[in-house]
Structure formats: structure tokens, C-alpha cells
Amino acid sequence: MARRRFRSNQRHEPSTERSFQEYFLSTPAPQTSRTELLRLIRGGEDTFLELKVKLSNTEKIAQEIVALANTGGGVIVFGVNDQLRIEGVDDPESVQEELVRICREDVEPPLFPFIDRIAFDNGRRIVALEIEGKRRPYRTHDGRFYLRVGSDKREATPEELSALFDEARPVRFENMPALGAAIADIDEAHLWSFLRDFEGDAFDNAGASGYPTAQVLERDLLLATEYGGDVVPTVAGLLLFGRDERVAEILPRSVISATRFAGDSVQSPVIERTSITGQLLTLYESALRFIGRYGDLWDTRPRNFPAADVADSPIAARANYHRGAVKEAVGNMLAHRDLALREQPTRLNIFDRSMEFINPRRTAGFSPVAQKAIRYGVPQQLNPQLAAIFASPAYGLETPQGGLPMLFRETRRFSNRRTELIAINDEFRLRIHGT
């Protein structure tokens, strides 16, 4: 209530005495009068209002705060007895200090409360603690979760706790419904090939009636969601298992623009430029085929390259790259791009002596500290669900192990040049040098 101070100039009248949820949580009033506070107190305790005579048992006060925070917020008023009479508190300043301490030290994650000390004409003073549960679920320092039901608090059941954690889970773009898509747009052969790799463990083929694609996508893989009354694949679901032609139509941002330049910069003449479309498996394999047309991939660096014995050739020799590093770069480009950015295309540029992989990636707060962390293998994943399935052997791709640290290490050994990593202007650029 610190943002809505108790003043004598009454500006807003709540419609009923029991109007805390309606009034305090929804009314954008800059000030609230003492008269309005008294109306709320006369209404008695409810889901969003707790009345205390004094602050005595700090452990129970922490539980009340957690319960209110997990139920959507509310207020605790100190200095009011069970008969709804204002008795006041002796030392409101010390009560305020103790409430701040409880919210910071006895509640996890810490709360930042709004506290008001209100004085009345008879000299009595009360303390009002407003709680907002923006980061729920909250727990006490001994790890207990509470909810408020009516005027009482109780520990959350496992089902309620699970719902709280589901609510706290961030909704990423990969989890959004792919608008315009339907279950019919899923490549069922690819999907069920993936599922059969888990048969006997996660997937019960004997219990499946026919091929319940929608049910498996929604309940088992979390790759579909209800939208407009129908089950719709999510963005990740469509990218992973969608039919190639439908992915290109529904998610045109998934296209890769692949270009071979006759030189070492984007100002060089273009030899070939093409658009690679389809689901992630198709994009991955097609991108590697495009790279294979203009460079040689090796598992280890040979003693002599084929072009080493050719002298005075008018045509530049094909560059050589570490196979695992190139595969990792392509996989990273596909799995970790920010498809919420509409105007930033995914690009694969091949030059005479290097190749560049460019992702859309919001760089606000990402650079430069996170760039260094990536080199140590600290993940900065945008699409964890998509990336996990993409890297699974059951998905059908032979992706290398070791992530970006492996890429940096192997390219340095292979070409004796450091891989360049730049995050700027909402783009993530990775440049690998060949030899």
C-alpha cells in the first residue's frame, strides 16, 4: 500500500465491505483513505486479508506471508483484534523493521513488501503489509509451501504445488502454438520412428490404440497445445516433426539462406545462393550437403591436403574443415535461433577460406559476458525442449558431442585459427576458418 497512501481525503469508495481483491488488486487508485481501510477491516478476514493483534510469532507470520503470496497477493494488518476493533501496536517502527527482515530472510525467494504505518486521531497506530506474489511459488526457509483458503492457510498439496511450478515455468516462443498448423501437418513416419526408440521404457506401444499422434504430441512430448478448441502443434513440434512443405508455409522464418561467395567477404561475387526449407532434420542435412559442395570435411587433420601438390592453379583450392566442428555449428544454428525475431534471417555464408553461421538472437543482456561463458560450455539456450530432442539419437541425426567448446577446440587444432564469435544487432555470428 505504499503506492496508495492512507490519506484523509477520500477519493474512491469501494462498492462493498468485502472488496479487497476487487478494489486493492484492480483499482488504479493513487491514494486510499483511512475510511476505506476501516471498511475493509469491518468486512473481516478473507482470502486476501489477514488481521493480527500484534507481531509475536515470526515463524507463523512468515507462513501467512507465503500463503498470501502464493494465492495471488493480499494484505496483513497489525493492530486489529478478533472482534475487528483497532487496538494499535506499541512500536510500529520496530514492527515495520521486523516485517522487512521476515520478507527478506524467512521467505524464499525474498519478497519486497509495501508497508504503511497509519495513525488515527485517538493516537492508535496500525501497520499494513501489502504482498504481491509476482515470483511465486514462495516457500518458508524450512522449505514449506503454503496457500490461503478463505481466512485460513494450509500447506499446498502435491497437485497444487505442481500447478504453481507449472505457472512459474517461463513460456518460450518454442512452446507457442504454430498458428495455421494442424496435427495433419505432422510427419507421422518421423514422429513414430522417434517414439519407437523409447519403446518399453517411456513409450508403451502396446497400450497405444492406433497412432494417437495428437495425444502423444500434447501429453507425452509437450509439443502440442490446445488453441481455438483444437490440438495444435507448437512451434517446436512443427519444426521438429512437421512436413517439409508445411513448415516452410507456416514458419517462413525457419528458412536458411545459403550463399557461396567467390572471395572472403559478402561483397565478393555470388557463385550460388539458395533457400533451404523444411523441418530441422531436412535443414540440417541439406545445409551439410551445401557445405560439402564447396569444402572438404575431415575427422582429423591429414598430413597433406589433396590440393597441396597442385601449383599455380587459376582456381582457388577447396578449403578444409573439421567435420565435427562444422556439424556442431550447423546444429547450433538450427537449435538455438530466436524465431521470435521476424526480420532477422538465418544465413549460411561460405567464403574461400572460411564459413559463417548467422542466427537471429536478441543481444540485449547477452553480450559480452555470456559470450565468454559459452566458450566454457555454459549453455545459453533459447529453445531447451527443441534442442534436447534435436540432439537425441532417436531424432535420426548423428550430431557430435561436446557442444561449442568442442567446436572451438577442434577448429583451433585443425586450422590454427581461433573461431570468431560475435553477438551484435540481434544476431549471433559464428565464423569458422578453414585451411
Foldseek 3Di string as FASTA:
>chain_A
DLQAEADQDADDADPALCCCCPPVVPPPHRYHHPVNVLSVLVVPFWQAEAEEQADDDLLVVLQVLLQQLLAFWHKYKYQADPVSDGRADDDVVVVVVSVQCCQVPFKPPRFDWRKDWDADPVGGIMMMIIGGNPQDNMATPVRWGWHGHIRDIDTDDPVRVVVGVVVNDDDAQQLAFLPPAALVQFQQVLVVLLVVVQDPHLDDPVPDDDRPSLCCCVPPQSQWDDDPNHIGGGNLRCQLGGFFVVCCVRQVLLKEWEWEFAADDPVGDTPDIDIQTGHPVSQLVVVVVVLVVQAAEDCAADPDDPCPPPPPDPGQDGFYFHNQLVSLLSLCQNQAARSVDPPDHWYWYHYRWKIKTKGQADCVVCPDPVVVVVLVVDDPGSHVSSSVSSPDVSSPDDHDPDHPNVSQVRLCVQVVDGWDWDQPPRMTMTMGGTD
